[in-house]
Amino acid sequence: MLFYKIKPGEGENFWRYRKNITKAAAELGDEISLRVWRSSFGGIPGRVLVTYAQKDYTGLDNESELYPKVIKKYNEMFNVNYNADNIAFSKSLEMWGNYSKLWRFLPELSSPVPSS
């Protein structure tokens, strides 16, 4: 889970990248889930929450295999240079206030999913 703080006036670069990367990830089917939320009431202005997960719950364990597929799809779908958009995205973030939390699914500590 990633928490971002957008610089005032930099929303266009931030949202172009975030929307495009989400669409590119969706094209891979259910291999990866990538979601973006923005709070419109309460909380810190400009704060955005991004979550991502893999179908098999490997998380960061297989990111080096999966994320290159997302980047390739990004370049194909939007006919742009992912690296340039990623740099613009990085520059759209405040220097302070960005952080991440790692949540890992542990089946042995989870209740069974009820069947219908």
PDB file of N, CA and C in Angstrom:
ATOM      1  N   MET A   1       0.849  -1.150   0.000  1.00  0.00           N
ATOM      2  CA  MET A   1       0.000   0.000   0.000  1.00  0.00           C
ATOM      3  C   MET A   1       0.909   1.232   0.000  1.00  0.00           C
ATOM      4  N   LEU A   2       0.622   2.142  -0.912  1.00  0.00           N
ATOM      5  CA  LEU A   2       1.428   3.351  -1.046  1.00  0.00           C
ATOM      6  C   LEU A   2       0.569   4.572  -0.735  1.00  0.00           C
ATOM      7  N   PHE A   3       1.138   5.504  -0.009  1.00  0.00           N
ATOM      8  CA  PHE A   3       0.473   6.757   0.306  1.00  0.00           C
ATOM      9  C   PHE A   3       1.288   7.879  -0.327  1.00  0.00           C
ATOM     10  N   TYR A   4       0.636   8.675  -1.174  1.00  0.00           N
ATOM     11  CA  TYR A   4       1.330   9.760  -1.871  1.00  0.00           C
ATOM     12  C   TYR A   4       0.737  11.102  -1.491  1.00  0.00           C
ATOM     13  N   LYS A   5       1.574  12.120  -1.508  1.00  0.00           N
ATOM     14  CA  LYS A   5       1.148  13.506  -1.317  1.00  0.00           C
ATOM     15  C   LYS A   5       1.548  14.263  -2.571  1.00  0.00           C
ATOM     16  N   ILE A   6       0.544  14.783  -3.294  1.00  0.00           N
ATOM     17  CA  ILE A   6       0.771  15.472  -4.565  1.00  0.00           C
ATOM     18  C   ILE A   6       1.103  16.941  -4.318  1.00  0.00           C
ATOM     19  N   LYS A   7       2.107  17.442  -5.040  1.00  0.00           N
ATOM     20  CA  LYS A   7       2.440  18.870  -4.976  1.00  0.00           C
ATOM     21  C   LYS A   7       1.285  19.682  -5.555  1.00  0.00           C
ATOM     22  N   PRO A   8       0.998  20.841  -4.970  1.00  0.00           N
ATOM     23  CA  PRO A   8      -0.035  21.702  -5.555  1.00  0.00           C
ATOM     24  C   PRO A   8       0.318  22.050  -7.005  1.00  0.00           C
ATOM     25  N   GLY A   9      -0.664  21.938  -7.892  1.00  0.00           N
ATOM     26  CA  GLY A   9      -0.463  22.259  -9.304  1.00  0.00           C
ATOM     27  C   GLY A   9       0.154  21.146 -10.135  1.00  0.00           C
ATOM     28  N   GLU A  10       0.459  20.009  -9.530  1.00  0.00           N
ATOM     29  CA  GLU A  10       1.101  18.896 -10.241  1.00  0.00           C
ATOM     30  C   GLU A  10       0.166  17.711 -10.464  1.00  0.00           C
ATOM     31  N   GLY A  11      -1.118  17.926 -10.235  1.00  0.00           N
ATOM     32  CA  GLY A  11      -2.076  16.830 -10.350  1.00  0.00           C
ATOM     33  C   GLY A  11      -2.133  16.201 -11.725  1.00  0.00           C
ATOM     34  N   GLU A  12      -1.955  17.001 -12.781  1.00  0.00           N
ATOM     35  CA  GLU A  12      -2.062  16.461 -14.139  1.00  0.00           C
ATOM     36  C   GLU A  12      -1.019  15.374 -14.392  1.00  0.00           C
ATOM     37  N   ASN A  13       0.240  15.615 -14.028  1.00  0.00           N
ATOM     38  CA  ASN A  13       1.291  14.609 -14.230  1.00  0.00           C
ATOM     39  C   ASN A  13       1.059  13.386 -13.351  1.00  0.00           C
ATOM     40  N   PHE A  14       0.625  13.623 -12.119  1.00  0.00           N
ATOM     41  CA  PHE A  14       0.367  12.518 -11.206  1.00  0.00           C
ATOM     42  C   PHE A  14      -0.739  11.626 -11.750  1.00  0.00           C
ATOM     43  N   TRP A  15      -1.882  12.236 -12.074  1.00  0.00           N
ATOM     44  CA  TRP A  15      -3.050  11.444 -12.483  1.00  0.00           C
ATOM     45  C   TRP A  15      -2.894  10.810 -13.849  1.00  0.00           C
ATOM     46  N   ARG A  16      -2.177  11.439 -14.771  1.00  0.00           N
ATOM     47  CA  ARG A  16      -1.940  10.797 -16.072  1.00  0.00           C
ATOM     48  C   ARG A  16      -1.222   9.466 -15.866  1.00  0.00           C
ATOM     49  N   TYR A  17      -0.158   9.495 -15.092  1.00  0.00           N
ATOM     50  CA  TYR A  17       0.604   8.275 -14.840  1.00  0.00           C
ATOM     51  C   TYR A  17      -0.226   7.248 -14.074  1.00  0.00           C
ATOM     52  N   ARG A  18      -0.867   7.664 -12.992  1.00  0.00           N
ATOM     53  CA  ARG A  18      -1.605   6.718 -12.158  1.00  0.00           C
ATOM     54  C   ARG A  18      -2.759   6.075 -12.920  1.00  0.00           C
ATOM     55  N   LYS A  19      -3.501   6.845 -13.705  1.00  0.00           N
ATOM     56  CA  LYS A  19      -4.617   6.287 -14.482  1.00  0.00           C
ATOM     57  C   LYS A  19      -4.107   5.350 -15.569  1.00  0.00           C
ATOM     58  N   ASN A  20      -3.036   5.752 -16.247  1.00  0.00           N
ATOM     59  CA  ASN A  20      -2.497   4.913 -17.317  1.00  0.00           C
ATOM     60  C   ASN A  20      -1.915   3.607 -16.788  1.00  0.00           C
ATOM     61  N   ILE A  21      -1.192   3.673 -15.683  1.00  0.00           N
ATOM     62  CA  ILE A  21      -0.580   2.446 -15.150  1.00  0.00           C
ATOM     63  C   ILE A  21      -1.666   1.491 -14.639  1.00  0.00           C
ATOM     64  N   THR A  22      -2.747   2.052 -14.106  1.00  0.00           N
ATOM     65  CA  THR A  22      -3.865   1.226 -13.645  1.00  0.00           C
ATOM     66  C   THR A  22      -4.534   0.532 -14.822  1.00  0.00           C
ATOM     67  N   LYS A  23      -4.738   1.260 -15.924  1.00  0.00           N
ATOM     68  CA  LYS A  23      -5.346   0.665 -17.121  1.00  0.00           C
ATOM     69  C   LYS A  23      -4.430  -0.405 -17.717  1.00  0.00           C
ATOM     70  N   ALA A  24      -3.130  -0.145 -17.741  1.00  0.00           N
ATOM     71  CA  ALA A  24      -2.177  -1.122 -18.283  1.00  0.00           C
ATOM     72  C   ALA A  24      -2.184  -2.398 -17.441  1.00  0.00           C
ATOM     73  N   ALA A  25      -2.214  -2.249 -16.129  1.00  0.00           N
ATOM     74  CA  ALA A  25      -2.247  -3.414 -15.247  1.00  0.00           C
ATOM     75  C   ALA A  25      -3.533  -4.205 -15.457  1.00  0.00           C
ATOM     76  N   ALA A  26      -4.643  -3.504 -15.655  1.00  0.00           N
ATOM     77  CA  ALA A  26      -5.931  -4.182 -15.869  1.00  0.00           C
ATOM     78  C   ALA A  26      -5.910  -5.032 -17.137  1.00  0.00           C
ATOM     79  N   GLU A  27      -5.134  -4.628 -18.143  1.00  0.00           N
ATOM     80  CA  GLU A  27      -5.043  -5.380 -19.391  1.00  0.00           C
ATOM     81  C   GLU A  27      -4.376  -6.741 -19.199  1.00  0.00           C
ATOM     82  N   LEU A  28      -3.667  -6.919 -18.104  1.00  0.00           N
ATOM     83  CA  LEU A  28      -3.029  -8.209 -17.827  1.00  0.00           C
ATOM     84  C   LEU A  28      -4.007  -9.192 -17.207  1.00  0.00           C
ATOM     85  N   GLY A  29      -5.254  -8.795 -17.119  1.00  0.00           N
ATOM     86  CA  GLY A  29      -6.263  -9.671 -16.530  1.00  0.00           C
ATOM     87  C   GLY A  29      -6.162  -9.667 -15.026  1.00  0.00           C
ATOM     88  N   ASP A  30      -6.301 -10.839 -14.442  1.00  0.00           N
ATOM     89  CA  ASP A  30      -6.291 -10.900 -12.983  1.00  0.00           C
ATOM     90  C   ASP A  30      -4.910 -11.202 -12.407  1.00  0.00           C
ATOM     91  N   GLU A  31      -3.859 -11.023 -13.212  1.00  0.00           N
ATOM     92  CA  GLU A  31      -2.507 -11.245 -12.696  1.00  0.00           C
ATOM     93  C   GLU A  31      -2.164 -10.239 -11.596  1.00  0.00           C
ATOM     94  N   ILE A  32      -2.663  -9.010 -11.756  1.00  0.00           N
ATOM     95  CA  ILE A  32      -2.347  -7.954 -10.799  1.00  0.00           C
ATOM     96  C   ILE A  32      -3.577  -7.069 -10.605  1.00  0.00           C
ATOM     97  N   SER A  33      -3.757  -6.623  -9.390  1.00  0.00           N
ATOM     98  CA  SER A  33      -4.819  -5.677  -9.063  1.00  0.00           C
ATOM     99  C   SER A  33      -4.147  -4.381  -8.620  1.00  0.00           C
ATOM    100  N   LEU A  34      -4.461  -3.300  -9.283  1.00  0.00           N
ATOM    101  CA  LEU A  34      -3.869  -2.001  -8.965  1.00  0.00           C
ATOM    102  C   LEU A  34      -5.007  -1.006  -8.846  1.00  0.00           C
ATOM    103  N   ARG A  35      -5.169  -0.390  -7.685  1.00  0.00           N
ATOM    104  CA  ARG A  35      -6.272   0.534  -7.429  1.00  0.00           C
ATOM    105  C   ARG A  35      -5.749   1.834  -6.842  1.00  0.00           C
ATOM    106  N   VAL A  36      -6.468   2.934  -7.129  1.00  0.00           N
ATOM    107  CA  VAL A  36      -6.079   4.259  -6.651  1.00  0.00           C
ATOM    108  C   VAL A  36      -7.293   4.913  -6.013  1.00  0.00           C
ATOM    109  N   TRP A  37      -7.101   5.456  -4.816  1.00  0.00           N
ATOM    110  CA  TRP A  37      -8.170   6.168  -4.120  1.00  0.00           C
ATOM    111  C   TRP A  37      -7.701   7.552  -3.703  1.00  0.00           C
ATOM    112  N   ARG A  38      -8.635   8.491  -3.752  1.00  0.00           N
ATOM    113  CA  ARG A  38      -8.374   9.850  -3.281  1.00  0.00           C
ATOM    114  C   ARG A  38      -9.484  10.208  -2.306  1.00  0.00           C
ATOM    115  N   SER A  39      -9.092  10.785  -1.192  1.00  0.00           N
ATOM    116  CA  SER A  39     -10.081  11.193  -0.203  1.00  0.00           C
ATOM    117  C   SER A  39     -10.590  12.588  -0.560  1.00  0.00           C
ATOM    118  N   SER A  40     -11.909  12.723  -0.663  1.00  0.00           N
ATOM    119  CA  SER A  40     -12.467  14.035  -0.969  1.00  0.00           C
ATOM    120  C   SER A  40     -13.026  14.709   0.282  1.00  0.00           C
ATOM    121  N   PHE A  41     -13.143  13.955   1.362  1.00  0.00           N
ATOM    122  CA  PHE A  41     -13.643  14.516   2.613  1.00  0.00           C
ATOM    123  C   PHE A  41     -12.691  14.152   3.743  1.00  0.00           C
ATOM    124  N   GLY A  42     -12.257  15.135   4.473  1.00  0.00           N
ATOM    125  CA  GLY A  42     -11.384  14.882   5.607  1.00  0.00           C
ATOM    126  C   GLY A  42      -9.999  14.440   5.177  1.00  0.00           C
ATOM    127  N   GLY A  43      -9.142  14.248   6.108  1.00  0.00           N
ATOM    128  CA  GLY A  43      -7.787  13.801   5.805  1.00  0.00           C
ATOM    129  C   GLY A  43      -6.921  14.917   5.247  1.00  0.00           C
ATOM    130  N   ILE A  44      -5.770  14.559   4.788  1.00  0.00           N
ATOM    131  CA  ILE A  44      -4.787  15.515   4.287  1.00  0.00           C
ATOM    132  C   ILE A  44      -5.087  15.844   2.830  1.00  0.00           C
ATOM    133  N   PRO A  45      -5.224  17.127   2.480  1.00  0.00           N
ATOM    134  CA  PRO A  45      -5.462  17.483   1.074  1.00  0.00           C
ATOM    135  C   PRO A  45      -4.312  16.991   0.188  1.00  0.00           C
ATOM    136  N   GLY A  46      -4.664  16.464  -0.976  1.00  0.00           N
ATOM    137  CA  GLY A  46      -3.640  15.984  -1.901  1.00  0.00           C
ATOM    138  C   GLY A  46      -3.137  14.590  -1.599  1.00  0.00           C
ATOM    139  N   ARG A  47      -3.709  13.924  -0.620  1.00  0.00           N
ATOM    140  CA  ARG A  47      -3.265  12.578  -0.245  1.00  0.00           C
ATOM    141  C   ARG A  47      -3.974  11.540  -1.115  1.00  0.00           C
ATOM    142  N   VAL A  48      -3.205  10.581  -1.624  1.00  0.00           N
ATOM    143  CA  VAL A  48      -3.738   9.519  -2.482  1.00  0.00           C
ATOM    144  C   VAL A  48      -3.222   8.178  -1.963  1.00  0.00           C
ATOM    145  N   LEU A  49      -4.082   7.176  -2.010  1.00  0.00           N
ATOM    146  CA  LEU A  49      -3.741   5.826  -1.573  1.00  0.00           C
ATOM    147  C   LEU A  49      -3.740   4.907  -2.785  1.00  0.00           C
ATOM    148  N   VAL A  50      -2.668   4.143  -2.958  1.00  0.00           N
ATOM    149  CA  VAL A  50      -2.548   3.186  -4.060  1.00  0.00           C
ATOM    150  C   VAL A  50      -2.331   1.805  -3.457  1.00  0.00           C
ATOM    151  N   THR A  51      -3.133   0.842  -3.920  1.00  0.00           N
ATOM    152  CA  THR A  51      -2.943  -0.535  -3.464  1.00  0.00           C
ATOM    153  C   THR A  51      -2.680  -1.420  -4.676  1.00  0.00           C
ATOM    154  N   TYR A  52      -1.890  -2.424  -4.480  1.00  0.00           N
ATOM    155  CA  TYR A  52      -1.680  -3.404  -5.539  1.00  0.00           C
ATOM    156  C   TYR A  52      -1.456  -4.774  -4.924  1.00  0.00           C
ATOM    157  N   ALA A  53      -1.897  -5.778  -5.662  1.00  0.00           N
ATOM    158  CA  ALA A  53      -1.766  -7.154  -5.192  1.00  0.00           C
ATOM    159  C   ALA A  53      -1.755  -8.083  -6.394  1.00  0.00           C
ATOM    160  N   GLN A  54      -1.155  -9.242  -6.217  1.00  0.00           N
ATOM    161  CA  GLN A  54      -1.153 -10.264  -7.247  1.00  0.00           C
ATOM    162  C   GLN A  54      -2.178 -11.332  -6.889  1.00  0.00           C
ATOM    163  N   LYS A  55      -2.677 -11.984  -7.918  1.00  0.00           N
ATOM    164  CA  LYS A  55      -3.693 -13.017  -7.726  1.00  0.00           C
ATOM    165  C   LYS A  55      -3.226 -14.092  -6.747  1.00  0.00           C
ATOM    166  N   ASP A  56      -1.961 -14.449  -6.831  1.00  0.00           N
ATOM    167  CA  ASP A  56      -1.442 -15.514  -5.975  1.00  0.00           C
ATOM    168  C   ASP A  56      -0.873 -14.985  -4.656  1.00  0.00           C
ATOM    169  N   TYR A  57      -1.109 -13.706  -4.377  1.00  0.00           N
ATOM    170  CA  TYR A  57      -0.685 -13.054  -3.133  1.00  0.00           C
ATOM    171  C   TYR A  57       0.823 -13.058  -2.924  1.00  0.00           C
ATOM    172  N   THR A  58       1.605 -13.141  -3.996  1.00  0.00           N
ATOM    173  CA  THR A  58       3.056 -13.131  -3.824  1.00  0.00           C
ATOM    174  C   THR A  58       3.582 -11.740  -3.505  1.00  0.00           C
ATOM    175  N   GLY A  59       2.798 -10.716  -3.786  1.00  0.00           N
ATOM    176  CA  GLY A  59       3.216  -9.359  -3.456  1.00  0.00           C
ATOM    177  C   GLY A  59       4.516  -8.982  -4.118  1.00  0.00           C
ATOM    178  N   LEU A  60       5.419  -8.447  -3.341  1.00  0.00           N
ATOM    179  CA  LEU A  60       6.687  -7.980  -3.881  1.00  0.00           C
ATOM    180  C   LEU A  60       7.603  -9.119  -4.302  1.00  0.00           C
ATOM    181  N   ASP A  61       7.268 -10.344  -3.907  1.00  0.00           N
ATOM    182  CA  ASP A  61       8.131 -11.482  -4.209  1.00  0.00           C
ATOM    183  C   ASP A  61       8.326 -11.689  -5.708  1.00  0.00           C
ATOM    184  N   ASN A  62       7.309 -11.391  -6.529  1.00  0.00           N
ATOM    185  CA  ASN A  62       7.465 -11.591  -7.973  1.00  0.00           C
ATOM    186  C   ASN A  62       7.318 -10.295  -8.767  1.00  0.00           C
ATOM    187  N   GLU A  63       7.510  -9.170  -8.115  1.00  0.00           N
ATOM    188  CA  GLU A  63       7.365  -7.886  -8.797  1.00  0.00           C
ATOM    189  C   GLU A  63       8.351  -7.749  -9.959  1.00  0.00           C
ATOM    190  N   SER A  64       9.540  -8.300  -9.843  1.00  0.00           N
ATOM    191  CA  SER A  64      10.531  -8.185 -10.918  1.00  0.00           C
ATOM    192  C   SER A  64      10.097  -8.947 -12.169  1.00  0.00           C
ATOM    193  N   GLU A  65       9.188  -9.902 -12.030  1.00  0.00           N
ATOM    194  CA  GLU A  65       8.662 -10.633 -13.181  1.00  0.00           C
ATOM    195  C   GLU A  65       7.409  -9.977 -13.743  1.00  0.00           C
ATOM    196  N   LEU A  66       6.564  -9.471 -12.875  1.00  0.00           N
ATOM    197  CA  LEU A  66       5.266  -8.956 -13.301  1.00  0.00           C
ATOM    198  C   LEU A  66       5.302  -7.508 -13.777  1.00  0.00           C
ATOM    199  N   TYR A  67       6.034  -6.653 -13.087  1.00  0.00           N
ATOM    200  CA  TYR A  67       5.986  -5.228 -13.416  1.00  0.00           C
ATOM    201  C   TYR A  67       6.529  -4.902 -14.807  1.00  0.00           C
ATOM    202  N   PRO A  68       7.567  -5.594 -15.312  1.00  0.00           N
ATOM    203  CA  PRO A  68       7.980  -5.338 -16.694  1.00  0.00           C
ATOM    204  C   PRO A  68       6.859  -5.576 -17.710  1.00  0.00           C
ATOM    205  N   LYS A  69       5.965  -6.528 -17.419  1.00  0.00           N
ATOM    206  CA  LYS A  69       4.810  -6.758 -18.298  1.00  0.00           C
ATOM    207  C   LYS A  69       3.882  -5.542 -18.284  1.00  0.00           C
ATOM    208  N   VAL A  70       3.692  -4.956 -17.104  1.00  0.00           N
ATOM    209  CA  VAL A  70       2.844  -3.761 -16.976  1.00  0.00           C
ATOM    210  C   VAL A  70       3.460  -2.606 -17.761  1.00  0.00           C
ATOM    211  N   ILE A  71       4.762  -2.420 -17.638  1.00  0.00           N
ATOM    212  CA  ILE A  71       5.451  -1.325 -18.343  1.00  0.00           C
ATOM    213  C   ILE A  71       5.350  -1.515 -19.855  1.00  0.00           C
ATOM    214  N   LYS A  72       5.548  -2.737 -20.333  1.00  0.00           N
ATOM    215  CA  LYS A  72       5.433  -3.011 -21.767  1.00  0.00           C
ATOM    216  C   LYS A  72       4.030  -2.686 -22.263  1.00  0.00           C
ATOM    217  N   LYS A  73       3.023  -3.105 -21.510  1.00  0.00           N
ATOM    218  CA  LYS A  73       1.633  -2.829 -21.873  1.00  0.00           C
ATOM    219  C   LYS A  73       1.357  -1.325 -21.848  1.00  0.00           C
ATOM    220  N   TYR A  74       1.911  -0.607 -20.894  1.00  0.00           N
ATOM    221  CA  TYR A  74       1.774   0.849 -20.782  1.00  0.00           C
ATOM    222  C   TYR A  74       2.265   1.521 -22.064  1.00  0.00           C
ATOM    223  N   ASN A  75       3.471   1.157 -22.498  1.00  0.00           N
ATOM    224  CA  ASN A  75       4.045   1.750 -23.715  1.00  0.00           C
ATOM    225  C   ASN A  75       3.220   1.425 -24.949  1.00  0.00           C
ATOM    226  N   GLU A  76       2.711   0.189 -25.023  1.00  0.00           N
ATOM    227  CA  GLU A  76       1.887  -0.219 -26.170  1.00  0.00           C
ATOM    228  C   GLU A  76       0.553   0.537 -26.199  1.00  0.00           C
ATOM    229  N   MET A  77      -0.103   0.618 -25.071  1.00  0.00           N
ATOM    230  CA  MET A  77      -1.446   1.198 -25.010  1.00  0.00           C
ATOM    231  C   MET A  77      -1.461   2.711 -25.240  1.00  0.00           C
ATOM    232  N   PHE A  78      -0.464   3.396 -24.701  1.00  0.00           N
ATOM    233  CA  PHE A  78      -0.499   4.858 -24.728  1.00  0.00           C
ATOM    234  C   PHE A  78       0.517   5.467 -25.686  1.00  0.00           C
ATOM    235  N   ASN A  79       1.266   4.605 -26.387  1.00  0.00           N
ATOM    236  CA  ASN A  79       2.230   5.054 -27.386  1.00  0.00           C
ATOM    237  C   ASN A  79       3.118   6.173 -26.842  1.00  0.00           C
ATOM    238  N   VAL A  80       3.598   5.967 -25.618  1.00  0.00           N
ATOM    239  CA  VAL A  80       4.454   6.946 -24.954  1.00  0.00           C
ATOM    240  C   VAL A  80       5.629   6.214 -24.327  1.00  0.00           C
ATOM    241  N   ASN A  81       6.517   7.002 -23.768  1.00  0.00           N
ATOM    242  CA  ASN A  81       7.656   6.445 -23.071  1.00  0.00           C
ATOM    243  C   ASN A  81       7.321   6.369 -21.588  1.00  0.00           C
ATOM    244  N   TYR A  82       7.183   5.170 -21.075  1.00  0.00           N
ATOM    245  CA  TYR A  82       6.876   4.972 -19.660  1.00  0.00           C
ATOM    246  C   TYR A  82       7.851   5.738 -18.779  1.00  0.00           C
ATOM    247  N   ASN A  83       9.137   5.687 -19.101  1.00  0.00           N
ATOM    248  CA  ASN A  83      10.152   6.324 -18.254  1.00  0.00           C
ATOM    249  C   ASN A  83       9.926   7.829 -18.128  1.00  0.00           C
ATOM    250  N   ALA A  84       9.555   8.486 -19.224  1.00  0.00           N
ATOM    251  CA  ALA A  84       9.295   9.926 -19.172  1.00  0.00           C
ATOM    252  C   ALA A  84       8.089  10.222 -18.283  1.00  0.00           C
ATOM    253  N   ASP A  85       7.028   9.438 -18.423  1.00  0.00           N
ATOM    254  CA  ASP A  85       5.845   9.628 -17.581  1.00  0.00           C
ATOM    255  C   ASP A  85       6.164   9.333 -16.121  1.00  0.00           C
ATOM    256  N   ASN A  86       6.991   8.326 -15.879  1.00  0.00           N
ATOM    257  CA  ASN A  86       7.361   7.978 -14.512  1.00  0.00           C
ATOM    258  C   ASN A  86       8.172   9.095 -13.858  1.00  0.00           C
ATOM    259  N   ILE A  87       9.048   9.727 -14.617  1.00  0.00           N
ATOM    260  CA  ILE A  87       9.833  10.852 -14.092  1.00  0.00           C
ATOM    261  C   ILE A  87       8.917  12.029 -13.761  1.00  0.00           C
ATOM    262  N   ALA A  88       7.983  12.342 -14.673  1.00  0.00           N
ATOM    263  CA  ALA A  88       7.017  13.431 -14.419  1.00  0.00           C
ATOM    264  C   ALA A  88       6.170  13.106 -13.187  1.00  0.00           C
ATOM    265  N   PHE A  89       5.768  11.844 -13.048  1.00  0.00           N
ATOM    266  CA  PHE A  89       5.012  11.404 -11.873  1.00  0.00           C
ATOM    267  C   PHE A  89       5.828  11.638 -10.607  1.00  0.00           C
ATOM    268  N   SER A  90       7.082  11.214 -10.619  1.00  0.00           N
ATOM    269  CA  SER A  90       7.941  11.367  -9.434  1.00  0.00           C
ATOM    270  C   SER A  90       8.107  12.833  -9.050  1.00  0.00           C
ATOM    271  N   LYS A  91       8.216  13.693 -10.051  1.00  0.00           N
ATOM    272  CA  LYS A  91       8.362  15.132  -9.781  1.00  0.00           C
ATOM    273  C   LYS A  91       7.066  15.754  -9.269  1.00  0.00           C
ATOM    274  N   SER A  92       5.935  15.070  -9.450  1.00  0.00           N
ATOM    275  CA  SER A  92       4.650  15.603  -8.988  1.00  0.00           C
ATOM    276  C   SER A  92       4.424  15.363  -7.497  1.00  0.00           C
ATOM    277  N   LEU A  93       5.311  14.606  -6.860  1.00  0.00           N
ATOM    278  CA  LEU A  93       5.136  14.251  -5.456  1.00  0.00           C
ATOM    279  C   LEU A  93       5.862  15.222  -4.533  1.00  0.00           C
ATOM    280  N   GLU A  94       5.234  15.482  -3.393  1.00  0.00           N
ATOM    281  CA  GLU A  94       5.890  16.276  -2.355  1.00  0.00           C
ATOM    282  C   GLU A  94       7.119  15.526  -1.860  1.00  0.00           C
ATOM    283  N   MET A  95       8.119  16.270  -1.403  1.00  0.00           N
ATOM    284  CA  MET A  95       9.328  15.635  -0.896  1.00  0.00           C
ATOM    285  C   MET A  95       9.037  14.854   0.384  1.00  0.00           C
ATOM    286  N   TRP A  96       8.144  15.377   1.222  1.00  0.00           N
ATOM    287  CA  TRP A  96       7.818  14.731   2.493  1.00  0.00           C
ATOM    288  C   TRP A  96       6.356  14.295   2.492  1.00  0.00           C
ATOM    289  N   GLY A  97       6.065  13.249   3.195  1.00  0.00           N
ATOM    290  CA  GLY A  97       4.683  12.821   3.356  1.00  0.00           C
ATOM    291  C   GLY A  97       4.309  11.593   2.551  1.00  0.00           C
ATOM    292  N   ASN A  98       5.241  11.033   1.778  1.00  0.00           N
ATOM    293  CA  ASN A  98       4.981   9.807   1.030  1.00  0.00           C
ATOM    294  C   ASN A  98       5.539   8.643   1.845  1.00  0.00           C
ATOM    295  N   TYR A  99       4.781   7.563   1.893  1.00  0.00           N
ATOM    296  CA  TYR A  99       5.257   6.395   2.631  1.00  0.00           C
ATOM    297  C   TYR A  99       4.539   5.149   2.127  1.00  0.00           C
ATOM    298  N   SER A 100       4.994   4.010   2.578  1.00  0.00           N
ATOM    299  CA  SER A 100       4.363   2.757   2.164  1.00  0.00           C
ATOM    300  C   SER A 100       4.168   1.858   3.376  1.00  0.00           C
ATOM    301  N   LYS A 101       3.216   0.948   3.230  1.00  0.00           N
ATOM    302  CA  LYS A 101       2.977  -0.089   4.231  1.00  0.00           C
ATOM    303  C   LYS A 101       2.916  -1.407   3.477  1.00  0.00           C
ATOM    304  N   LEU A 102       3.554  -2.394   3.996  1.00  0.00           N
ATOM    305  CA  LEU A 102       3.547  -3.708   3.367  1.00  0.00           C
ATOM    306  C   LEU A 102       2.584  -4.607   4.125  1.00  0.00           C
ATOM    307  N   TRP A 103       1.556  -5.029   3.425  1.00  0.00           N
ATOM    308  CA  TRP A 103       0.599  -5.981   3.986  1.00  0.00           C
ATOM    309  C   TRP A 103       0.772  -7.274   3.220  1.00  0.00           C
ATOM    310  N   ARG A 104       0.913  -8.345   3.911  1.00  0.00           N
ATOM    311  CA  ARG A 104       1.115  -9.637   3.268  1.00  0.00           C
ATOM    312  C   ARG A 104       0.025 -10.601   3.719  1.00  0.00           C
ATOM    313  N   PHE A 105      -0.578 -11.285   2.750  1.00  0.00           N
ATOM    314  CA  PHE A 105      -1.608 -12.273   3.042  1.00  0.00           C
ATOM    315  C   PHE A 105      -0.951 -13.514   3.626  1.00  0.00           C
ATOM    316  N   LEU A 106      -1.391 -13.916   4.781  1.00  0.00           N
ATOM    317  CA  LEU A 106      -0.881 -15.120   5.429  1.00  0.00           C
ATOM    318  C   LEU A 106      -2.048 -16.095   5.605  1.00  0.00           C
ATOM    319  N   PRO A 107      -2.208 -17.035   4.663  1.00  0.00           N
ATOM    320  CA  PRO A 107      -3.359 -17.936   4.705  1.00  0.00           C
ATOM    321  C   PRO A 107      -3.469 -18.716   6.005  1.00  0.00           C
ATOM    322  N   GLU A 108      -2.332 -19.046   6.595  1.00  0.00           N
ATOM    323  CA  GLU A 108      -2.373 -19.839   7.820  1.00  0.00           C
ATOM    324  C   GLU A 108      -2.952 -19.051   9.000  1.00  0.00           C
ATOM    325  N   LEU A 109      -3.020 -17.740   8.876  1.00  0.00           N
ATOM    326  CA  LEU A 109      -3.593 -16.917   9.931  1.00  0.00           C
ATOM    327  C   LEU A 109      -4.986 -16.377   9.569  1.00  0.00           C
ATOM    328  N   SER A 110      -5.519 -16.821   8.450  1.00  0.00           N
ATOM    329  CA  SER A 110      -6.799 -16.321   7.962  1.00  0.00           C
ATOM    330  C   SER A 110      -7.896 -17.350   8.136  1.00  0.00           C
ATOM    331  N   SER A 111      -9.108 -16.830   8.286  1.00  0.00           N
ATOM    332  CA  SER A 111     -10.279 -17.702   8.353  1.00  0.00           C
ATOM    333  C   SER A 111     -10.585 -18.237   6.962  1.00  0.00           C
ATOM    334  N   PRO A 112     -11.172 -19.417   6.874  1.00  0.00           N
ATOM    335  CA  PRO A 112     -11.548 -19.936   5.554  1.00  0.00           C
ATOM    336  C   PRO A 112     -12.618 -19.043   4.911  1.00  0.00           C
ATOM    337  N   VAL A 113     -12.585 -18.956   3.606  1.00  0.00           N
ATOM    338  CA  VAL A 113     -13.596 -18.205   2.869  1.00  0.00           C
ATOM    339  C   VAL A 113     -14.841 -19.069   2.805  1.00  0.00           C
ATOM    340  N   PRO A 114     -15.990 -18.527   3.253  1.00  0.00           N
ATOM    341  CA  PRO A 114     -17.199 -19.331   3.218  1.00  0.00           C
ATOM    342  C   PRO A 114     -17.612 -19.646   1.787  1.00  0.00           C
ATOM    343  N   SER A 115     -18.048 -20.843   1.554  1.00  0.00           N
ATOM    344  CA  SER A 115     -18.532 -21.217   0.224  1.00  0.00           C
ATOM    345  C   SER A 115     -20.026 -20.968   0.160  1.00  0.00           C
ATOM    346  N   SER A 116     -20.506 -20.693  -1.048  1.00  0.00           N
ATOM    347  CA  SER A 116     -21.951 -20.400  -1.171  1.00  0.00           C
ATOM    348  C   SER A 116     -22.762 -21.640  -1.399  1.00  0.00           C
TER     349      SER A 116
END
